C-alpha atoms as a PDB file:
ATOM      1  CA  MET A   1       7.189  55.850 -47.041  1.00  0.00           C
ATOM      2  CA  VAL A   2       3.612  55.555 -46.677  1.00  0.00           C
ATOM      3  CA  SER A   3       2.971  56.075 -42.886  1.00  0.00           C
ATOM      4  CA  ASP A   4       0.979  53.348 -40.796  1.00  0.00           C
ATOM      5  CA  ASP A   5      -1.928  54.666 -40.287  1.00  0.00           C
ATOM      6  CA  SER A   6      -1.920  55.434 -44.537  1.00  0.00           C
ATOM      7  CA  LYS A   7      -1.448  51.927 -44.630  1.00  0.00           C
ATOM      8  CA  LYS A   8      -4.508  50.961 -42.108  1.00  0.00           C
ATOM      9  CA  SER A   9      -6.772  53.251 -44.088  1.00  0.00           C
ATOM     10  CA  ILE A  10      -6.342  52.151 -47.333  1.00  0.00           C
ATOM     11  CA  ASN A  11      -6.632  48.274 -46.150  1.00  0.00           C
ATOM     12  CA  LYS A  12      -9.788  49.072 -44.467  1.00  0.00           C
ATOM     13  CA  LEU A  13     -11.029  50.647 -47.784  1.00  0.00           C
ATOM     14  CA  PHE A  14     -10.516  47.580 -49.746  1.00  0.00           C
ATOM     15  CA  LEU A  15     -11.714  45.035 -47.346  1.00  0.00           C
ATOM     16  CA  HIS A  16     -15.020  44.654 -49.723  1.00  0.00           C
ATOM     17  CA  ASP A  17     -15.671  43.841 -52.913  1.00  0.00           C
ATOM     18  CA  LYS A  18     -17.419  47.375 -53.934  1.00  0.00           C
ATOM     19  CA  PRO A  19     -14.525  49.260 -53.990  1.00  0.00           C
ATOM     20  CA  PHE A  20     -12.905  47.388 -56.223  1.00  0.00           C
ATOM     21  CA  MET A  21     -15.376  46.853 -58.127  1.00  0.00           C
ATOM     22  CA  LEU A  22     -15.908  50.631 -58.435  1.00  0.00           C
ATOM     23  CA  LEU A  23     -12.556  51.089 -59.820  1.00  0.00           C
ATOM     24  CA  LYS A  24     -12.994  48.277 -62.125  1.00  0.00           C
ATOM     25  CA  VAL A  25     -16.185  49.845 -63.423  1.00  0.00           C
ATOM     26  CA  ILE A  26     -14.130  53.795 -64.251  1.00  0.00           C
ATOM     27  CA  ASN A  27     -11.275  51.791 -65.647  1.00  0.00           C
ATOM     28  CA  ASP A  28     -13.160  49.407 -67.693  1.00  0.00           C
ATOM     29  CA  SER A  29     -15.468  51.955 -69.354  1.00  0.00           C
ATOM     30  CA  SER A  30     -15.061  53.478 -72.824  1.00  0.00           C
ATOM     31  CA  SER A  31     -17.462  56.302 -71.703  1.00  0.00           C
ATOM     32  CA  PRO A  32     -17.104  59.039 -69.449  1.00  0.00           C
ATOM     33  CA  VAL A  33     -18.191  57.450 -65.990  1.00  0.00           C
ATOM     34  CA  TYR A  34     -20.775  58.980 -63.460  1.00  0.00           C
ATOM     35  CA  ALA A  35     -21.584  58.201 -59.368  1.00  0.00           C
ATOM     36  CA  ALA A  36     -25.099  56.964 -60.482  1.00  0.00           C
ATOM     37  CA  SER A  37     -24.121  54.708 -63.623  1.00  0.00           C
ATOM     38  CA  ILE A  38     -21.247  53.138 -61.088  1.00  0.00           C
ATOM     39  CA  SER A  39     -23.966  52.609 -58.452  1.00  0.00           C
ATOM     40  CA  LYS A  40     -26.224  51.020 -61.010  1.00  0.00           C
ATOM     41  CA  LYS A  41     -23.509  48.811 -62.586  1.00  0.00           C
ATOM     42  CA  ILE A  42     -22.695  47.377 -59.186  1.00  0.00           C
ATOM     43  CA  ASP A  43     -25.786  47.805 -57.339  1.00  0.00           C
ATOM     44  CA  CYS A  44     -25.320  49.975 -54.411  1.00  0.00           C
ATOM     45  CA  SER A  45     -26.897  53.152 -53.397  1.00  0.00           C
ATOM     46  CA  TYR A  46     -25.723  56.378 -54.953  1.00  0.00           C
ATOM     47  CA  ALA A  47     -24.657  57.870 -51.658  1.00  0.00           C
ATOM     48  CA  TYR A  48     -22.514  54.665 -50.657  1.00  0.00           C
ATOM     49  CA  ILE A  49     -20.879  55.713 -53.999  1.00  0.00           C
ATOM     50  CA  VAL A  50     -20.301  59.143 -53.212  1.00  0.00           C
ATOM     51  CA  ARG A  51     -18.963  58.805 -49.744  1.00  0.00           C
ATOM     52  CA  LEU A  52     -16.628  56.015 -51.452  1.00  0.00           C
ATOM     53  CA  ILE A  53     -15.491  58.274 -54.239  1.00  0.00           C
ATOM     54  CA  LYS A  54     -14.826  61.347 -51.822  1.00  0.00           C
ATOM     55  CA  VAL A  55     -12.568  59.075 -50.183  1.00  0.00           C
ATOM     56  CA  MET A  56     -10.947  57.609 -52.765  1.00  0.00           C
ATOM     57  CA  HIS A  57     -10.353  61.408 -54.206  1.00  0.00           C
ATOM     58  CA  ASN A  58      -8.815  62.214 -50.950  1.00  0.00           C
ATOM     59  CA  LYS A  59      -6.432  59.562 -51.043  1.00  0.00           C
ATOM     60  CA  GLY A  60      -5.495  60.314 -54.453  1.00  0.00           C
ATOM     61  CA  ILE A  61      -6.920  57.161 -56.098  1.00  0.00           C
ATOM     62  CA  VAL A  62      -9.353  58.634 -58.398  1.00  0.00           C
ATOM     63  CA  GLU A  63     -10.333  62.307 -59.870  1.00  0.00           C
ATOM     64  CA  PHE A  64     -12.943  64.414 -61.212  1.00  0.00           C
ATOM     65  CA  GLU A  65     -13.547  67.109 -64.608  1.00  0.00           C
ATOM     66  CA  GLY A  66     -16.368  68.251 -65.261  1.00  0.00           C
ATOM     67  CA  ASN A  67     -18.480  70.865 -63.316  1.00  0.00           C
ATOM     68  CA  SER A  68     -19.767  70.176 -59.662  1.00  0.00           C
ATOM     69  CA  HIS A  69     -23.054  69.460 -60.733  1.00  0.00           C
ATOM     70  CA  LYS A  70     -22.236  66.489 -63.383  1.00  0.00           C
ATOM     71  CA  LYS A  71     -18.791  65.034 -62.348  1.00  0.00           C
ATOM     72  CA  ILE A  72     -16.544  62.464 -64.769  1.00  0.00           C
ATOM     73  CA  ILE A  73     -14.796  60.014 -62.465  1.00  0.00           C
ATOM     74  CA  ASN A  74     -10.907  59.013 -63.242  1.00  0.00           C
ATOM     75  CA  LEU A  75      -8.544  56.862 -61.750  1.00  0.00           C
ATOM     76  CA  THR A  76      -5.202  58.493 -61.306  1.00  0.00           C
ATOM     77  CA  PRO A  77      -1.987  56.705 -61.612  1.00  0.00           C
ATOM     78  CA  LYS A  78      -2.049  55.406 -57.966  1.00  0.00           C
ATOM     79  CA  GLY A  79      -5.698  53.935 -58.345  1.00  0.00           C
ATOM     80  CA  LYS A  80      -4.508  52.101 -61.709  1.00  0.00           C
ATOM     81  CA  LYS A  81      -1.861  51.079 -59.465  1.00  0.00           C
ATOM     82  CA  ILE A  82      -3.887  49.655 -56.720  1.00  0.00           C
ATOM     83  CA  LEU A  83      -6.482  47.947 -59.501  1.00  0.00           C
ATOM     84  CA  LYS A  84      -3.593  46.020 -61.258  1.00  0.00           C
ATOM     85  CA  LEU A  85      -1.805  45.176 -57.539  1.00  0.00           C
ATOM     86  CA  LEU A  86      -5.905  44.089 -56.523  1.00  0.00           C
ATOM     87  CA  SER A  87      -6.603  42.236 -59.792  1.00  0.00           C
ATOM     88  CA  GLU A  88      -3.461  40.087 -59.528  1.00  0.00           C
ATOM     89  CA  ILE A  89      -4.708  38.703 -56.270  1.00  0.00           C
ATOM     90  CA  ASP A  90      -8.148  38.103 -57.377  1.00  0.00           C
END
């Protein structure tokens, strides 16, 4: 069961459009996705995207592959489930 604090934290994360757009960009891309390419596609600063990705990684929503300089970002099964639920709302 998910704790109340965790629910509040996840809800706070998705009260804005950019986190949803970030998930969509990762999911819909046919090529590897990097923080820099996400920031360009959704018109956000690179620093904001990196912070958002770190939060999502800590919550098990995204995962990384690659080296420390250039990380490919993928959705976890949890991230895919969240995107599906948010897409149904939209």
